[in-house]
N, C-alpha and C. Protein backbone atom coordinates (compact mmCIF):
# COMPACT_ATOMS: atom_id res chain seq x y z
N MET A 1 29.80 -88.64 58.72
CA MET A 1 28.97 -87.62 58.14
C MET A 1 28.58 -86.58 59.21
N PHE A 2 28.02 -87.06 60.33
CA PHE A 2 27.65 -86.14 61.39
C PHE A 2 28.88 -85.45 61.97
N ARG A 3 29.93 -86.23 62.15
CA ARG A 3 31.15 -85.66 62.73
C ARG A 3 31.70 -84.53 61.86
N ALA A 4 31.68 -84.71 60.58
CA ALA A 4 32.16 -83.66 59.67
C ALA A 4 31.27 -82.42 59.75
N ALA A 5 29.98 -82.65 59.95
CA ALA A 5 29.04 -81.52 60.01
C ALA A 5 29.24 -80.68 61.27
N VAL A 6 29.57 -81.33 62.39
CA VAL A 6 29.73 -80.57 63.63
C VAL A 6 31.13 -79.98 63.78
N ASP A 7 32.08 -80.53 63.02
CA ASP A 7 33.44 -79.98 62.95
C ASP A 7 34.06 -79.76 64.35
N VAL A 8 34.23 -80.88 65.07
CA VAL A 8 34.85 -80.80 66.39
C VAL A 8 36.23 -81.46 66.38
N ASP A 9 37.06 -81.07 67.33
CA ASP A 9 38.39 -81.67 67.42
C ASP A 9 38.30 -83.09 67.99
N GLU A 10 39.40 -83.81 67.91
CA GLU A 10 39.44 -85.21 68.33
C GLU A 10 39.08 -85.39 69.81
N LEU A 11 39.58 -84.54 70.67
CA LEU A 11 39.29 -84.66 72.10
C LEU A 11 37.81 -84.44 72.39
N SER A 12 37.19 -83.48 71.74
CA SER A 12 35.76 -83.24 71.94
C SER A 12 34.94 -84.42 71.44
N TRP A 13 35.35 -85.00 70.32
CA TRP A 13 34.64 -86.15 69.78
C TRP A 13 34.76 -87.33 70.74
N LEU A 14 35.93 -87.55 71.28
CA LEU A 14 36.14 -88.63 72.24
C LEU A 14 35.29 -88.41 73.49
N ARG A 15 35.24 -87.19 73.98
CA ARG A 15 34.43 -86.86 75.15
C ARG A 15 32.95 -87.11 74.87
N GLY A 16 32.48 -86.73 73.71
CA GLY A 16 31.09 -86.97 73.34
C GLY A 16 30.76 -88.45 73.26
N ARG A 17 31.68 -89.23 72.71
CA ARG A 17 31.48 -90.69 72.67
C ARG A 17 31.41 -91.26 74.07
N ALA A 18 32.28 -90.78 74.95
CA ALA A 18 32.28 -91.27 76.33
C ALA A 18 30.97 -90.97 77.03
N TRP A 19 30.45 -89.75 76.85
CA TRP A 19 29.16 -89.39 77.45
C TRP A 19 28.04 -90.25 76.90
N ALA A 20 28.01 -90.43 75.60
CA ALA A 20 26.95 -91.24 74.98
C ALA A 20 27.00 -92.68 75.50
N LEU A 21 28.19 -93.24 75.62
CA LEU A 21 28.32 -94.60 76.12
C LEU A 21 27.92 -94.68 77.59
N ALA A 22 28.34 -93.71 78.38
CA ALA A 22 27.99 -93.71 79.81
C ALA A 22 26.48 -93.64 80.01
N ILE A 23 25.82 -92.77 79.28
CA ILE A 23 24.36 -92.63 79.41
C ILE A 23 23.67 -93.91 78.95
N ALA A 24 24.16 -94.51 77.88
CA ALA A 24 23.57 -95.75 77.39
C ALA A 24 23.69 -96.86 78.43
N VAL A 25 24.86 -97.01 79.00
CA VAL A 25 25.11 -98.10 79.95
C VAL A 25 24.38 -97.88 81.27
N MET A 26 24.26 -96.64 81.71
CA MET A 26 23.59 -96.37 82.98
C MET A 26 22.12 -96.74 82.96
N THR A 27 21.48 -96.74 81.83
CA THR A 27 20.05 -97.03 81.79
C THR A 27 19.74 -98.52 81.88
N PHE A 28 20.69 -99.38 81.56
CA PHE A 28 20.40 -100.81 81.53
C PHE A 28 19.87 -101.38 82.85
N PRO A 29 20.57 -101.21 83.96
CA PRO A 29 20.08 -101.85 85.19
C PRO A 29 18.70 -101.37 85.62
N TYR A 30 18.44 -100.10 85.46
CA TYR A 30 17.19 -99.55 85.96
C TYR A 30 16.00 -99.86 85.05
N TYR A 31 16.20 -99.80 83.76
CA TYR A 31 15.08 -99.92 82.82
C TYR A 31 14.99 -101.27 82.12
N TRP A 32 15.88 -102.19 82.39
CA TRP A 32 15.94 -103.43 81.62
C TRP A 32 14.59 -104.14 81.55
N ARG A 33 13.91 -104.25 82.68
CA ARG A 33 12.63 -104.95 82.70
C ARG A 33 11.44 -104.04 82.48
N THR A 34 11.55 -102.80 82.94
CA THR A 34 10.38 -101.92 82.90
C THR A 34 10.22 -101.18 81.57
N MET A 35 11.33 -100.91 80.88
CA MET A 35 11.26 -100.17 79.62
C MET A 35 12.20 -100.81 78.58
N PRO A 36 11.84 -101.97 78.10
CA PRO A 36 12.73 -102.67 77.16
C PRO A 36 13.00 -101.90 75.87
N ASP A 37 12.03 -101.10 75.42
CA ASP A 37 12.26 -100.31 74.20
C ASP A 37 13.35 -99.28 74.41
N ARG A 38 13.34 -98.64 75.58
CA ARG A 38 14.39 -97.67 75.89
C ARG A 38 15.75 -98.37 75.94
N CYS A 39 15.78 -99.54 76.54
CA CYS A 39 17.04 -100.27 76.60
C CYS A 39 17.52 -100.67 75.21
N ALA A 40 16.61 -101.06 74.35
CA ALA A 40 16.99 -101.41 72.97
C ALA A 40 17.59 -100.20 72.26
N ASP A 41 17.02 -99.03 72.49
CA ASP A 41 17.58 -97.81 71.90
C ASP A 41 18.99 -97.55 72.44
N ARG A 42 19.16 -97.75 73.73
CA ARG A 42 20.47 -97.50 74.35
C ARG A 42 21.51 -98.52 73.89
N VAL A 43 21.09 -99.75 73.66
CA VAL A 43 22.00 -100.76 73.11
C VAL A 43 22.46 -100.33 71.72
N ALA A 44 21.54 -99.81 70.93
CA ALA A 44 21.89 -99.33 69.59
C ALA A 44 22.89 -98.18 69.67
N VAL A 45 22.68 -97.26 70.61
CA VAL A 45 23.62 -96.14 70.80
C VAL A 45 24.99 -96.69 71.18
N ALA A 46 25.03 -97.60 72.14
CA ALA A 46 26.31 -98.17 72.58
C ALA A 46 27.03 -98.86 71.43
N ARG A 47 26.29 -99.58 70.62
CA ARG A 47 26.91 -100.27 69.47
C ARG A 47 27.50 -99.28 68.47
N ARG A 48 26.77 -98.19 68.22
CA ARG A 48 27.28 -97.18 67.29
C ARG A 48 28.53 -96.49 67.84
N VAL A 49 28.52 -96.20 69.14
CA VAL A 49 29.68 -95.56 69.75
C VAL A 49 30.89 -96.49 69.66
N LEU A 50 30.69 -97.76 70.00
CA LEU A 50 31.80 -98.71 69.95
C LEU A 50 32.29 -98.95 68.52
N ALA A 51 31.37 -98.96 67.57
CA ALA A 51 31.77 -99.11 66.17
C ALA A 51 32.58 -97.91 65.70
N ASP A 52 32.18 -96.71 66.14
CA ASP A 52 32.91 -95.52 65.79
C ASP A 52 34.31 -95.55 66.40
N ALA A 53 34.40 -96.03 67.62
CA ALA A 53 35.71 -96.10 68.29
C ALA A 53 36.63 -97.11 67.60
N ALA A 54 36.06 -98.15 67.03
CA ALA A 54 36.86 -99.18 66.38
C ALA A 54 37.34 -98.75 65.00
N SER A 55 36.69 -97.75 64.43
CA SER A 55 37.09 -97.33 63.06
C SER A 55 38.18 -96.30 63.07
């Protein structure tokens, strides 16, 4: 739904997924104990990115 709304090519979509996954993963080591809510949000982002990649 969102992808259709932004109307981007496949390479741009792949690049966006890569950035989202990188940002999500980078926060884990630093915030795991100090900001668990932020980490939970980033886990959700990572799961959505990986689910999109699998479809």
